Amino acid sequence: MSTTRRLAIAVLPLLITLGGCSQIQEAGSKAKVCTEALALATFTPDPKDGEKAQKETQETGNKLHELAKNVGDGDVSGAITTLGNSYVDMAKQRVEDAANLPKWIETKVKQLDALRQACL
């Protein structure tokens, strides 16, 4: 048996193992980002204090956008970005307006479902 062949036989299991580790790390990273995004998305602004609600809603949107940058899965990143955009858009509106919040919550629920599906 040639030296090259022996080396290939010896290195192949290591390469397979390292490839598997990479996939496990990616899945772990995806799960972590999904968990963080879902936790952030539980935030719903309190319309009683419009200024505070607007600020917190904007901050949540910004945090979601940062998370979206940290995941390699395009579907997950897209779902998180869409959700973050929803928070940023809501922050630009008057959170305390009774007409805005219910519609936004309905939209957020649909976006959360899309995120859950992407995270599976």
PDB file of N, CA and C in Angstrom:
ATOM      1  N   MET A   1       0.856  -1.168   0.000  1.00  0.00           N
ATOM      2  CA  MET A   1       0.000   0.000   0.000  1.00  0.00           C
ATOM      3  C   MET A   1       0.904   1.234   0.000  1.00  0.00           C
ATOM      4  N   SER A   2       0.566   2.199  -0.844  1.00  0.00           N
ATOM      5  CA  SER A   2       1.398   3.393  -0.970  1.00  0.00           C
ATOM      6  C   SER A   2       1.233   4.299   0.259  1.00  0.00           C
ATOM      7  N   THR A   3       2.199   5.135   0.464  1.00  0.00           N
ATOM      8  CA  THR A   3       2.178   6.073   1.587  1.00  0.00           C
ATOM      9  C   THR A   3       1.010   7.054   1.431  1.00  0.00           C
ATOM     10  N   THR A   4       0.768   7.469   0.235  1.00  0.00           N
ATOM     11  CA  THR A   4      -0.331   8.401  -0.014  1.00  0.00           C
ATOM     12  C   THR A   4      -1.666   7.772   0.351  1.00  0.00           C
ATOM     13  N   ARG A   5      -1.832   6.523  -0.033  1.00  0.00           N
ATOM     14  CA  ARG A   5      -3.085   5.832   0.268  1.00  0.00           C
ATOM     15  C   ARG A   5      -3.248   5.657   1.777  1.00  0.00           C
ATOM     16  N   ARG A   6      -2.161   5.279   2.469  1.00  0.00           N
ATOM     17  CA  ARG A   6      -2.227   5.123   3.929  1.00  0.00           C
ATOM     18  C   ARG A   6      -2.592   6.447   4.601  1.00  0.00           C
ATOM     19  N   LEU A   7      -1.986   7.512   4.124  1.00  0.00           N
ATOM     20  CA  LEU A   7      -2.271   8.833   4.684  1.00  0.00           C
ATOM     21  C   LEU A   7      -3.742   9.209   4.454  1.00  0.00           C
ATOM     22  N   ALA A   8      -4.221   8.926   3.263  1.00  0.00           N
ATOM     23  CA  ALA A   8      -5.623   9.234   2.958  1.00  0.00           C
ATOM     24  C   ALA A   8      -6.551   8.432   3.853  1.00  0.00           C
ATOM     25  N   ILE A   9      -6.257   7.168   4.073  1.00  0.00           N
ATOM     26  CA  ILE A   9      -7.088   6.321   4.933  1.00  0.00           C
ATOM     27  C   ILE A   9      -7.048   6.822   6.375  1.00  0.00           C
ATOM     28  N   ALA A  10      -5.896   7.302   6.804  1.00  0.00           N
ATOM     29  CA  ALA A  10      -5.766   7.794   8.175  1.00  0.00           C
ATOM     30  C   ALA A  10      -6.459   9.138   8.370  1.00  0.00           C
ATOM     31  N   VAL A  11      -6.417   9.992   7.370  1.00  0.00           N
ATOM     32  CA  VAL A  11      -6.952  11.343   7.490  1.00  0.00           C
ATOM     33  C   VAL A  11      -8.461  11.398   7.230  1.00  0.00           C
ATOM     34  N   LEU A  12      -8.979  10.499   6.423  1.00  0.00           N
ATOM     35  CA  LEU A  12     -10.385  10.523   6.059  1.00  0.00           C
ATOM     36  C   LEU A  12     -11.327  10.534   7.262  1.00  0.00           C
ATOM     37  N   PRO A  13     -11.166   9.648   8.249  1.00  0.00           N
ATOM     38  CA  PRO A  13     -12.074   9.716   9.415  1.00  0.00           C
ATOM     39  C   PRO A  13     -12.002  11.060  10.142  1.00  0.00           C
ATOM     40  N   LEU A  14     -10.821  11.643  10.205  1.00  0.00           N
ATOM     41  CA  LEU A  14     -10.660  12.940  10.853  1.00  0.00           C
ATOM     42  C   LEU A  14     -11.433  14.015  10.091  1.00  0.00           C
ATOM     43  N   LEU A  15     -11.339  14.003   8.770  1.00  0.00           N
ATOM     44  CA  LEU A  15     -12.069  14.989   7.966  1.00  0.00           C
ATOM     45  C   LEU A  15     -13.570  14.813   8.110  1.00  0.00           C
ATOM     46  N   ILE A  16     -14.031  13.578   8.136  1.00  0.00           N
ATOM     47  CA  ILE A  16     -15.461  13.313   8.320  1.00  0.00           C
ATOM     48  C   ILE A  16     -15.912  13.821   9.682  1.00  0.00           C
ATOM     49  N   THR A  17     -15.113  13.552  10.717  1.00  0.00           N
ATOM     50  CA  THR A  17     -15.443  14.010  12.062  1.00  0.00           C
ATOM     51  C   THR A  17     -15.486  15.527  12.133  1.00  0.00           C
ATOM     52  N   LEU A  18     -14.493  16.190  11.553  1.00  0.00           N
ATOM     53  CA  LEU A  18     -14.462  17.651  11.569  1.00  0.00           C
ATOM     54  C   LEU A  18     -15.642  18.231  10.806  1.00  0.00           C
ATOM     55  N   GLY A  19     -16.008  17.618   9.705  1.00  0.00           N
ATOM     56  CA  GLY A  19     -17.175  18.071   8.959  1.00  0.00           C
ATOM     57  C   GLY A  19     -18.428  17.939   9.799  1.00  0.00           C
ATOM     58  N   GLY A  20     -18.563  16.854  10.531  1.00  0.00           N
ATOM     59  CA  GLY A  20     -19.704  16.650  11.414  1.00  0.00           C
ATOM     60  C   GLY A  20     -19.730  17.666  12.538  1.00  0.00           C
ATOM     61  N   CYS A  21     -18.561  17.975  13.074  1.00  0.00           N
ATOM     62  CA  CYS A  21     -18.477  18.984  14.147  1.00  0.00           C
ATOM     63  C   CYS A  21     -18.942  20.336  13.639  1.00  0.00           C
ATOM     64  N   SER A  22     -18.563  20.664  12.423  1.00  0.00           N
ATOM     65  CA  SER A  22     -18.977  21.929  11.843  1.00  0.00           C
ATOM     66  C   SER A  22     -20.493  21.996  11.732  1.00  0.00           C
ATOM     67  N   GLN A  23     -21.103  20.908  11.290  1.00  0.00           N
ATOM     68  CA  GLN A  23     -22.560  20.876  11.173  1.00  0.00           C
ATOM     69  C   GLN A  23     -23.220  20.996  12.543  1.00  0.00           C
ATOM     70  N   ILE A  24     -22.649  20.348  13.535  1.00  0.00           N
ATOM     71  CA  ILE A  24     -23.188  20.420  14.892  1.00  0.00           C
ATOM     72  C   ILE A  24     -23.061  21.843  15.422  1.00  0.00           C
ATOM     73  N   GLN A  25     -21.916  22.478  15.173  1.00  0.00           N
ATOM     74  CA  GLN A  25     -21.725  23.861  15.624  1.00  0.00           C
ATOM     75  C   GLN A  25     -22.716  24.795  14.947  1.00  0.00           C
ATOM     76  N   GLU A  26     -22.929  24.594  13.636  1.00  0.00           N
ATOM     77  CA  GLU A  26     -23.884  25.436  12.918  1.00  0.00           C
ATOM     78  C   GLU A  26     -25.288  25.248  13.466  1.00  0.00           C
ATOM     79  N   ALA A  27     -25.662  24.014  13.744  1.00  0.00           N
ATOM     80  CA  ALA A  27     -26.999  23.743  14.298  1.00  0.00           C
ATOM     81  C   ALA A  27     -27.132  24.363  15.683  1.00  0.00           C
ATOM     82  N   GLY A  28     -26.063  24.274  16.483  1.00  0.00           N
ATOM     83  CA  GLY A  28     -26.081  24.880  17.815  1.00  0.00           C
ATOM     84  C   GLY A  28     -26.203  26.386  17.740  1.00  0.00           C
ATOM     85  N   SER A  29     -25.483  26.988  16.802  1.00  0.00           N
ATOM     86  CA  SER A  29     -25.543  28.435  16.618  1.00  0.00           C
ATOM     87  C   SER A  29     -26.941  28.852  16.151  1.00  0.00           C
ATOM     88  N   LYS A  30     -27.501  28.080  15.229  1.00  0.00           N
ATOM     89  CA  LYS A  30     -28.839  28.365  14.721  1.00  0.00           C
ATOM     90  C   LYS A  30     -29.857  28.269  15.856  1.00  0.00           C
ATOM     91  N   ALA A  31     -29.738  27.226  16.663  1.00  0.00           N
ATOM     92  CA  ALA A  31     -30.666  27.044  17.783  1.00  0.00           C
ATOM     93  C   ALA A  31     -30.543  28.192  18.780  1.00  0.00           C
ATOM     94  N   LYS A  32     -29.318  28.616  19.047  1.00  0.00           N
ATOM     95  CA  LYS A  32     -29.099  29.716  19.991  1.00  0.00           C
ATOM     96  C   LYS A  32     -29.714  31.008  19.463  1.00  0.00           C
ATOM     97  N   VAL A  33     -29.476  31.315  18.196  1.00  0.00           N
ATOM     98  CA  VAL A  33     -30.017  32.532  17.602  1.00  0.00           C
ATOM     99  C   VAL A  33     -31.538  32.476  17.575  1.00  0.00           C
ATOM    100  N   CYS A  34     -32.093  31.311  17.231  1.00  0.00           N
ATOM    101  CA  CYS A  34     -33.550  31.162  17.205  1.00  0.00           C
ATOM    102  C   CYS A  34     -34.141  31.381  18.592  1.00  0.00           C
ATOM    103  N   THR A  35     -33.501  30.823  19.595  1.00  0.00           N
ATOM    104  CA  THR A  35     -33.979  30.978  20.970  1.00  0.00           C
ATOM    105  C   THR A  35     -33.942  32.446  21.383  1.00  0.00           C
ATOM    106  N   GLU A  36     -32.847  33.121  21.072  1.00  0.00           N
ATOM    107  CA  GLU A  36     -32.722  34.536  21.419  1.00  0.00           C
ATOM    108  C   GLU A  36     -33.761  35.380  20.680  1.00  0.00           C
ATOM    109  N   ALA A  37     -33.966  35.075  19.397  1.00  0.00           N
ATOM    110  CA  ALA A  37     -34.932  35.845  18.611  1.00  0.00           C
ATOM    111  C   ALA A  37     -36.353  35.643  19.136  1.00  0.00           C
ATOM    112  N   LEU A  38     -36.687  34.400  19.441  1.00  0.00           N
ATOM    113  CA  LEU A  38     -38.025  34.132  19.971  1.00  0.00           C
ATOM    114  C   LEU A  38     -38.229  34.809  21.326  1.00  0.00           C
ATOM    115  N   ALA A  39     -37.176  34.832  22.140  1.00  0.00           N
ATOM    116  CA  ALA A  39     -37.276  35.508  23.438  1.00  0.00           C
ATOM    117  C   ALA A  39     -37.489  37.013  23.248  1.00  0.00           C
ATOM    118  N   LEU A  40     -36.744  37.610  22.327  1.00  0.00           N
ATOM    119  CA  LEU A  40     -36.919  39.045  22.062  1.00  0.00           C
ATOM    120  C   LEU A  40     -38.320  39.342  21.528  1.00  0.00           C
ATOM    121  N   ALA A  41     -38.831  38.436  20.708  1.00  0.00           N
ATOM    122  CA  ALA A  41     -40.126  38.661  20.069  1.00  0.00           C
ATOM    123  C   ALA A  41     -41.304  38.528  21.027  1.00  0.00           C
ATOM    124  N   THR A  42     -41.042  38.117  22.255  1.00  0.00           N
ATOM    125  CA  THR A  42     -42.130  38.084  23.238  1.00  0.00           C
ATOM    126  C   THR A  42     -42.450  39.488  23.743  1.00  0.00           C
ATOM    127  N   PHE A  43     -41.557  40.439  23.463  1.00  0.00           N
ATOM    128  CA  PHE A  43     -41.780  41.818  23.894  1.00  0.00           C
ATOM    129  C   PHE A  43     -42.941  42.430  23.118  1.00  0.00           C
ATOM    130  N   THR A  44     -43.868  42.985  23.849  1.00  0.00           N
ATOM    131  CA  THR A  44     -44.961  43.766  23.279  1.00  0.00           C
ATOM    132  C   THR A  44     -44.987  45.091  24.031  1.00  0.00           C
ATOM    133  N   PRO A  45     -44.948  46.186  23.311  1.00  0.00           N
ATOM    134  CA  PRO A  45     -44.888  47.493  23.984  1.00  0.00           C
ATOM    135  C   PRO A  45     -46.139  47.788  24.803  1.00  0.00           C
ATOM    136  N   ASP A  46     -45.928  48.509  25.882  1.00  0.00           N
ATOM    137  CA  ASP A  46     -47.026  48.948  26.734  1.00  0.00           C
ATOM    138  C   ASP A  46     -47.503  50.303  26.219  1.00  0.00           C
ATOM    139  N   PRO A  47     -48.703  50.353  25.660  1.00  0.00           N
ATOM    140  CA  PRO A  47     -49.171  51.600  25.050  1.00  0.00           C
ATOM    141  C   PRO A  47     -49.454  52.722  26.051  1.00  0.00           C
ATOM    142  N   LYS A  48     -49.400  52.436  27.343  1.00  0.00           N
ATOM    143  CA  LYS A  48     -49.672  53.463  28.348  1.00  0.00           C
ATOM    144  C   LYS A  48     -48.587  54.536  28.395  1.00  0.00           C
ATOM    145  N   ASP A  49     -47.362  54.154  28.047  1.00  0.00           N
ATOM    146  CA  ASP A  49     -46.242  55.095  28.031  1.00  0.00           C
ATOM    147  C   ASP A  49     -45.665  55.091  26.620  1.00  0.00           C
ATOM    148  N   GLY A  50     -46.229  55.928  25.767  1.00  0.00           N
ATOM    149  CA  GLY A  50     -45.884  55.942  24.348  1.00  0.00           C
ATOM    150  C   GLY A  50     -44.409  56.147  24.049  1.00  0.00           C
ATOM    151  N   GLU A  51     -43.780  57.083  24.745  1.00  0.00           N
ATOM    152  CA  GLU A  51     -42.369  57.377  24.484  1.00  0.00           C
ATOM    153  C   GLU A  51     -41.483  56.182  24.860  1.00  0.00           C
ATOM    154  N   LYS A  52     -41.738  55.598  26.020  1.00  0.00           N
ATOM    155  CA  LYS A  52     -40.969  54.442  26.464  1.00  0.00           C
ATOM    156  C   LYS A  52     -41.230  53.248  25.533  1.00  0.00           C
ATOM    157  N   ALA A  53     -42.474  53.053  25.165  1.00  0.00           N
ATOM    158  CA  ALA A  53     -42.828  51.944  24.275  1.00  0.00           C
ATOM    159  C   ALA A  53     -42.137  52.089  22.930  1.00  0.00           C
ATOM    160  N   GLN A  54     -42.106  53.296  22.426  1.00  0.00           N
ATOM    161  CA  GLN A  54     -41.461  53.547  21.140  1.00  0.00           C
ATOM    162  C   GLN A  54     -39.971  53.235  21.218  1.00  0.00           C
ATOM    163  N   LYS A  55     -39.320  53.680  22.281  1.00  0.00           N
ATOM    164  CA  LYS A  55     -37.887  53.447  22.458  1.00  0.00           C
ATOM    165  C   LYS A  55     -37.592  51.947  22.589  1.00  0.00           C
ATOM    166  N   GLU A  56     -38.353  51.241  23.413  1.00  0.00           N
ATOM    167  CA  GLU A  56     -38.118  49.812  23.633  1.00  0.00           C
ATOM    168  C   GLU A  56     -38.417  48.996  22.375  1.00  0.00           C
ATOM    169  N   THR A  57     -39.415  49.423  21.626  1.00  0.00           N
ATOM    170  CA  THR A  57     -39.756  48.734  20.389  1.00  0.00           C
ATOM    171  C   THR A  57     -38.631  48.888  19.373  1.00  0.00           C
ATOM    172  N   GLN A  58     -38.079  50.082  19.259  1.00  0.00           N
ATOM    173  CA  GLN A  58     -36.949  50.328  18.361  1.00  0.00           C
ATOM    174  C   GLN A  58     -35.740  49.493  18.789  1.00  0.00           C
ATOM    175  N   GLU A  59     -35.451  49.459  20.073  1.00  0.00           N
ATOM    176  CA  GLU A  59     -34.315  48.679  20.582  1.00  0.00           C
ATOM    177  C   GLU A  59     -34.482  47.191  20.278  1.00  0.00           C
ATOM    178  N   THR A  60     -35.697  46.687  20.437  1.00  0.00           N
ATOM    179  CA  THR A  60     -35.948  45.277  20.149  1.00  0.00           C
ATOM    180  C   THR A  60     -35.725  45.000  18.666  1.00  0.00           C
ATOM    181  N   GLY A  61     -36.197  45.872  17.815  1.00  0.00           N
ATOM    182  CA  GLY A  61     -35.972  45.721  16.375  1.00  0.00           C
ATOM    183  C   GLY A  61     -34.493  45.720  16.029  1.00  0.00           C
ATOM    184  N   ASN A  62     -33.740  46.607  16.654  1.00  0.00           N
ATOM    185  CA  ASN A  62     -32.291  46.666  16.413  1.00  0.00           C
ATOM    186  C   ASN A  62     -31.597  45.389  16.874  1.00  0.00           C
ATOM    187  N   LYS A  63     -31.991  44.860  18.020  1.00  0.00           N
ATOM    188  CA  LYS A  63     -31.400  43.618  18.529  1.00  0.00           C
ATOM    189  C   LYS A  63     -31.708  42.453  17.588  1.00  0.00           C
ATOM    190  N   LEU A  64     -32.926  42.416  17.076  1.00  0.00           N
ATOM    191  CA  LEU A  64     -33.285  41.355  16.130  1.00  0.00           C
ATOM    192  C   LEU A  64     -32.453  41.466  14.852  1.00  0.00           C
ATOM    193  N   HIS A  65     -32.230  42.672  14.377  1.00  0.00           N
ATOM    194  CA  HIS A  65     -31.398  42.856  13.181  1.00  0.00           C
ATOM    195  C   HIS A  65     -29.969  42.375  13.430  1.00  0.00           C
ATOM    196  N   GLU A  66     -29.439  42.649  14.608  1.00  0.00           N
ATOM    197  CA  GLU A  66     -28.090  42.166  14.938  1.00  0.00           C
ATOM    198  C   GLU A  66     -28.041  40.637  14.967  1.00  0.00           C
ATOM    199  N   LEU A  67     -29.059  40.026  15.547  1.00  0.00           N
ATOM    200  CA  LEU A  67     -29.125  38.565  15.565  1.00  0.00           C
ATOM    201  C   LEU A  67     -29.164  37.996  14.157  1.00  0.00           C
ATOM    202  N   ALA A  68     -29.929  38.622  13.288  1.00  0.00           N
ATOM    203  CA  ALA A  68     -30.066  38.135  11.912  1.00  0.00           C
ATOM    204  C   ALA A  68     -28.718  38.085  11.199  1.00  0.00           C
ATOM    205  N   LYS A  69     -27.830  38.987  11.573  1.00  0.00           N
ATOM    206  CA  LYS A  69     -26.495  39.018  10.963  1.00  0.00           C
ATOM    207  C   LYS A  69     -25.619  37.866  11.440  1.00  0.00           C
ATOM    208  N   ASN A  70     -25.976  37.250  12.572  1.00  0.00           N
ATOM    209  CA  ASN A  70     -25.117  36.241  13.205  1.00  0.00           C
ATOM    210  C   ASN A  70     -25.523  34.806  12.930  1.00  0.00           C
ATOM    211  N   VAL A  71     -26.389  34.587  11.969  1.00  0.00           N
ATOM    212  CA  VAL A  71     -26.804  33.221  11.672  1.00  0.00           C
ATOM    213  C   VAL A  71     -26.542  32.955  10.190  1.00  0.00           C
ATOM    214  N   GLY A  72     -25.993  31.787   9.920  1.00  0.00           N
ATOM    215  CA  GLY A  72     -25.645  31.434   8.549  1.00  0.00           C
ATOM    216  C   GLY A  72     -26.812  30.946   7.719  1.00  0.00           C
ATOM    217  N   ASP A  73     -27.890  30.568   8.346  1.00  0.00           N
ATOM    218  CA  ASP A  73     -29.057  30.042   7.633  1.00  0.00           C
ATOM    219  C   ASP A  73     -29.870  31.204   7.070  1.00  0.00           C
ATOM    220  N   GLY A  74     -29.992  31.261   5.754  1.00  0.00           N
ATOM    221  CA  GLY A  74     -30.684  32.355   5.095  1.00  0.00           C
ATOM    222  C   GLY A  74     -32.150  32.465   5.456  1.00  0.00           C
ATOM    223  N   ASP A  75     -32.824  31.317   5.627  1.00  0.00           N
ATOM    224  CA  ASP A  75     -34.242  31.349   5.983  1.00  0.00           C
ATOM    225  C   ASP A  75     -34.441  31.942   7.374  1.00  0.00           C
ATOM    226  N   VAL A  76     -33.598  31.528   8.303  1.00  0.00           N
ATOM    227  CA  VAL A  76     -33.691  32.032   9.674  1.00  0.00           C
ATOM    228  C   VAL A  76     -33.350  33.517   9.699  1.00  0.00           C
ATOM    229  N   SER A  77     -32.283  33.877   9.011  1.00  0.00           N
ATOM    230  CA  SER A  77     -31.877  35.280   8.960  1.00  0.00           C
ATOM    231  C   SER A  77     -32.983  36.147   8.369  1.00  0.00           C
ATOM    232  N   GLY A  78     -33.596  35.673   7.307  1.00  0.00           N
ATOM    233  CA  GLY A  78     -34.681  36.416   6.677  1.00  0.00           C
ATOM    234  C   GLY A  78     -35.885  36.582   7.589  1.00  0.00           C
ATOM    235  N   ALA A  79     -36.241  35.508   8.297  1.00  0.00           N
ATOM    236  CA  ALA A  79     -37.388  35.568   9.211  1.00  0.00           C
ATOM    237  C   ALA A  79     -37.115  36.534  10.360  1.00  0.00           C
ATOM    238  N   ILE A  80     -35.891  36.512  10.886  1.00  0.00           N
ATOM    239  CA  ILE A  80     -35.537  37.408  11.986  1.00  0.00           C
ATOM    240  C   ILE A  80     -35.502  38.856  11.492  1.00  0.00           C
ATOM    241  N   THR A  81     -34.971  39.072  10.304  1.00  0.00           N
ATOM    242  CA  THR A  81     -34.922  40.419   9.737  1.00  0.00           C
ATOM    243  C   THR A  81     -36.331  40.976   9.538  1.00  0.00           C
ATOM    244  N   THR A  82     -37.234  40.146   9.011  1.00  0.00           N
ATOM    245  CA  THR A  82     -38.618  40.568   8.817  1.00  0.00           C
ATOM    246  C   THR A  82     -39.258  40.956  10.138  1.00  0.00           C
ATOM    247  N   LEU A  83     -39.016  40.150  11.155  1.00  0.00           N
ATOM    248  CA  LEU A  83     -39.553  40.443  12.483  1.00  0.00           C
ATOM    249  C   LEU A  83     -38.953  41.739  13.028  1.00  0.00           C
ATOM    250  N   GLY A  84     -37.638  41.898  12.859  1.00  0.00           N
ATOM    251  CA  GLY A  84     -36.977  43.132  13.296  1.00  0.00           C
ATOM    252  C   GLY A  84     -37.528  44.355  12.577  1.00  0.00           C
ATOM    253  N   ASN A  85     -37.781  44.204  11.278  1.00  0.00           N
ATOM    254  CA  ASN A  85     -38.366  45.309  10.509  1.00  0.00           C
ATOM    255  C   ASN A  85     -39.733  45.692  11.056  1.00  0.00           C
ATOM    256  N   SER A  86     -40.486  44.695  11.473  1.00  0.00           N
ATOM    257  CA  SER A  86     -41.812  44.946  12.034  1.00  0.00           C
ATOM    258  C   SER A  86     -41.712  45.794  13.301  1.00  0.00           C
ATOM    259  N   TYR A  87     -40.745  45.485  14.151  1.00  0.00           N
ATOM    260  CA  TYR A  87     -40.546  46.269  15.374  1.00  0.00           C
ATOM    261  C   TYR A  87     -40.104  47.693  15.039  1.00  0.00           C
ATOM    262  N   VAL A  88     -39.176  47.832  14.117  1.00  0.00           N
ATOM    263  CA  VAL A  88     -38.700  49.165  13.738  1.00  0.00           C
ATOM    264  C   VAL A  88     -39.839  49.983  13.137  1.00  0.00           C
ATOM    265  N   ASP A  89     -40.637  49.350  12.270  1.00  0.00           N
ATOM    266  CA  ASP A  89     -41.778  50.051  11.680  1.00  0.00           C
ATOM    267  C   ASP A  89     -42.781  50.478  12.748  1.00  0.00           C
ATOM    268  N   MET A  90     -43.030  49.598  13.702  1.00  0.00           N
ATOM    269  CA  MET A  90     -43.978  49.920  14.774  1.00  0.00           C
ATOM    270  C   MET A  90     -43.451  51.080  15.616  1.00  0.00           C
ATOM    271  N   ALA A  91     -42.156  51.119  15.820  1.00  0.00           N
ATOM    272  CA  ALA A  91     -41.562  52.209  16.614  1.00  0.00           C
ATOM    273  C   ALA A  91     -41.754  53.556  15.921  1.00  0.00           C
ATOM    274  N   LYS A  92     -41.849  53.545  14.602  1.00  0.00           N
ATOM    275  CA  LYS A  92     -42.046  54.789  13.858  1.00  0.00           C
ATOM    276  C   LYS A  92     -43.492  55.279  13.937  1.00  0.00           C
ATOM    277  N   GLN A  93     -44.392  54.361  14.287  1.00  0.00           N
ATOM    278  CA  GLN A  93     -45.802  54.726  14.425  1.00  0.00           C
ATOM    279  C   GLN A  93     -46.061  55.160  15.865  1.00  0.00           C
ATOM    280  N   ARG A  94     -47.276  55.531  16.124  1.00  0.00           N
ATOM    281  CA  ARG A  94     -47.662  55.861  17.495  1.00  0.00           C
ATOM    282  C   ARG A  94     -48.121  54.564  18.156  1.00  0.00           C
ATOM    283  N   VAL A  95     -47.263  53.990  18.973  1.00  0.00           N
ATOM    284  CA  VAL A  95     -47.539  52.718  19.639  1.00  0.00           C
ATOM    285  C   VAL A  95     -48.801  52.803  20.482  1.00  0.00           C
ATOM    286  N   GLU A  96     -49.041  53.980  21.059  1.00  0.00           N
ATOM    287  CA  GLU A  96     -50.178  54.118  21.965  1.00  0.00           C
ATOM    288  C   GLU A  96     -51.528  54.215  21.247  1.00  0.00           C
ATOM    289  N   ASP A  97     -51.506  54.393  19.929  1.00  0.00           N
ATOM    290  CA  ASP A  97     -52.768  54.429  19.183  1.00  0.00           C
ATOM    291  C   ASP A  97     -53.422  53.054  19.209  1.00  0.00           C
ATOM    292  N   ALA A  98     -54.640  53.026  19.650  1.00  0.00           N
ATOM    293  CA  ALA A  98     -55.363  51.764  19.799  1.00  0.00           C
ATOM    294  C   ALA A  98     -55.475  51.005  18.484  1.00  0.00           C
ATOM    295  N   ALA A  99     -55.518  51.709  17.372  1.00  0.00           N
ATOM    296  CA  ALA A  99     -55.669  51.052  16.076  1.00  0.00           C
ATOM    297  C   ALA A  99     -54.388  50.364  15.615  1.00  0.00           C
ATOM    298  N   ASN A 100     -53.228  50.839  16.031  1.00  0.00           N
ATOM    299  CA  ASN A 100     -51.954  50.298  15.559  1.00  0.00           C
ATOM    300  C   ASN A 100     -51.569  48.982  16.224  1.00  0.00           C
ATOM    301  N   LEU A 101     -51.725  48.896  17.514  1.00  0.00           N
ATOM    302  CA  LEU A 101     -51.212  47.762  18.264  1.00  0.00           C
ATOM    303  C   LEU A 101     -51.870  46.427  17.890  1.00  0.00           C
ATOM    304  N   PRO A 102     -53.172  46.306  17.812  1.00  0.00           N
ATOM    305  CA  PRO A 102     -53.764  45.006  17.471  1.00  0.00           C
ATOM    306  C   PRO A 102     -53.333  44.486  16.100  1.00  0.00           C
ATOM    307  N   LYS A 103     -53.284  45.366  15.117  1.00  0.00           N
ATOM    308  CA  LYS A 103     -52.864  44.953  13.774  1.00  0.00           C
ATOM    309  C   LYS A 103     -51.409  44.498  13.797  1.00  0.00           C
ATOM    310  N   TRP A 104     -50.572  45.227  14.513  1.00  0.00           N
ATOM    311  CA  TRP A 104     -49.166  44.886  14.609  1.00  0.00           C
ATOM    312  C   TRP A 104     -48.988  43.536  15.306  1.00  0.00           C
ATOM    313  N   ILE A 105     -49.739  43.295  16.366  1.00  0.00           N
ATOM    314  CA  ILE A 105     -49.642  42.016  17.076  1.00  0.00           C
ATOM    315  C   ILE A 105     -50.053  40.869  16.152  1.00  0.00           C
ATOM    316  N   GLU A 106     -51.083  41.068  15.371  1.00  0.00           N
ATOM    317  CA  GLU A 106     -51.518  40.037  14.414  1.00  0.00           C
ATOM    318  C   GLU A 106     -50.402  39.738  13.407  1.00  0.00           C
ATOM    319  N   THR A 107     -49.774  40.773  12.904  1.00  0.00           N
ATOM    320  CA  THR A 107     -48.660  40.608  11.967  1.00  0.00           C
ATOM    321  C   THR A 107     -47.501  39.896  12.648  1.00  0.00           C
ATOM    322  N   LYS A 108     -47.215  40.295  13.890  1.00  0.00           N
ATOM    323  CA  LYS A 108     -46.104  39.691  14.638  1.00  0.00           C
ATOM    324  C   LYS A 108     -46.332  38.204  14.847  1.00  0.00           C
ATOM    325  N   VAL A 109     -47.547  37.791  15.127  1.00  0.00           N
ATOM    326  CA  VAL A 109     -47.857  36.379  15.329  1.00  0.00           C
ATOM    327  C   VAL A 109     -47.546  35.590  14.055  1.00  0.00           C
ATOM    328  N   LYS A 110     -47.907  36.132  12.903  1.00  0.00           N
ATOM    329  CA  LYS A 110     -47.607  35.468  11.623  1.00  0.00           C
ATOM    330  C   LYS A 110     -46.097  35.382  11.399  1.00  0.00           C
ATOM    331  N   GLN A 111     -45.392  36.447  11.733  1.00  0.00           N
ATOM    332  CA  GLN A 111     -43.943  36.460  11.564  1.00  0.00           C
ATOM    333  C   GLN A 111     -43.262  35.497  12.523  1.00  0.00           C
ATOM    334  N   LEU A 112     -43.786  35.386  13.736  1.00  0.00           N
ATOM    335  CA  LEU A 112     -43.246  34.419  14.697  1.00  0.00           C
ATOM    336  C   LEU A 112     -43.432  32.999  14.190  1.00  0.00           C
ATOM    337  N   ASP A 113     -44.566  32.724  13.586  1.00  0.00           N
ATOM    338  CA  ASP A 113     -44.804  31.399  13.024  1.00  0.00           C
ATOM    339  C   ASP A 113     -43.785  31.106  11.912  1.00  0.00           C
ATOM    340  N   ALA A 114     -43.525  32.105  11.064  1.00  0.00           N
ATOM    341  CA  ALA A 114     -42.530  31.930  10.004  1.00  0.00           C
ATOM    342  C   ALA A 114     -41.147  31.680  10.593  1.00  0.00           C
ATOM    343  N   LEU A 115     -40.812  32.369  11.675  1.00  0.00           N
ATOM    344  CA  LEU A 115     -39.529  32.157  12.337  1.00  0.00           C
ATOM    345  C   LEU A 115     -39.453  30.757  12.934  1.00  0.00           C
ATOM    346  N   ARG A 116     -40.504  30.327  13.593  1.00  0.00           N
ATOM    347  CA  ARG A 116     -40.510  28.977  14.167  1.00  0.00           C
ATOM    348  C   ARG A 116     -40.302  27.925  13.080  1.00  0.00           C
ATOM    349  N   GLN A 117     -40.956  28.100  11.950  1.00  0.00           N
ATOM    350  CA  GLN A 117     -40.815  27.155  10.842  1.00  0.00           C
ATOM    351  C   GLN A 117     -39.377  27.157  10.306  1.00  0.00           C
ATOM    352  N   ALA A 118     -38.789  28.323  10.175  1.00  0.00           N
ATOM    353  CA  ALA A 118     -37.408  28.419   9.686  1.00  0.00           C
ATOM    354  C   ALA A 118     -36.419  27.816  10.671  1.00  0.00           C
ATOM    355  N   CYS A 119     -36.749  27.873  11.951  1.00  0.00           N
ATOM    356  CA  CYS A 119     -35.836  27.359  12.975  1.00  0.00           C
ATOM    357  C   CYS A 119     -35.897  25.837  13.127  1.00  0.00           C
ATOM    358  N   LEU A 120     -36.923  25.232  12.592  1.00  0.00           N
ATOM    359  CA  LEU A 120     -37.034  23.766  12.701  1.00  0.00           C
ATOM    360  C   LEU A 120     -36.016  23.053  11.858  1.00  0.00           C
TER     361      LEU A 120
END
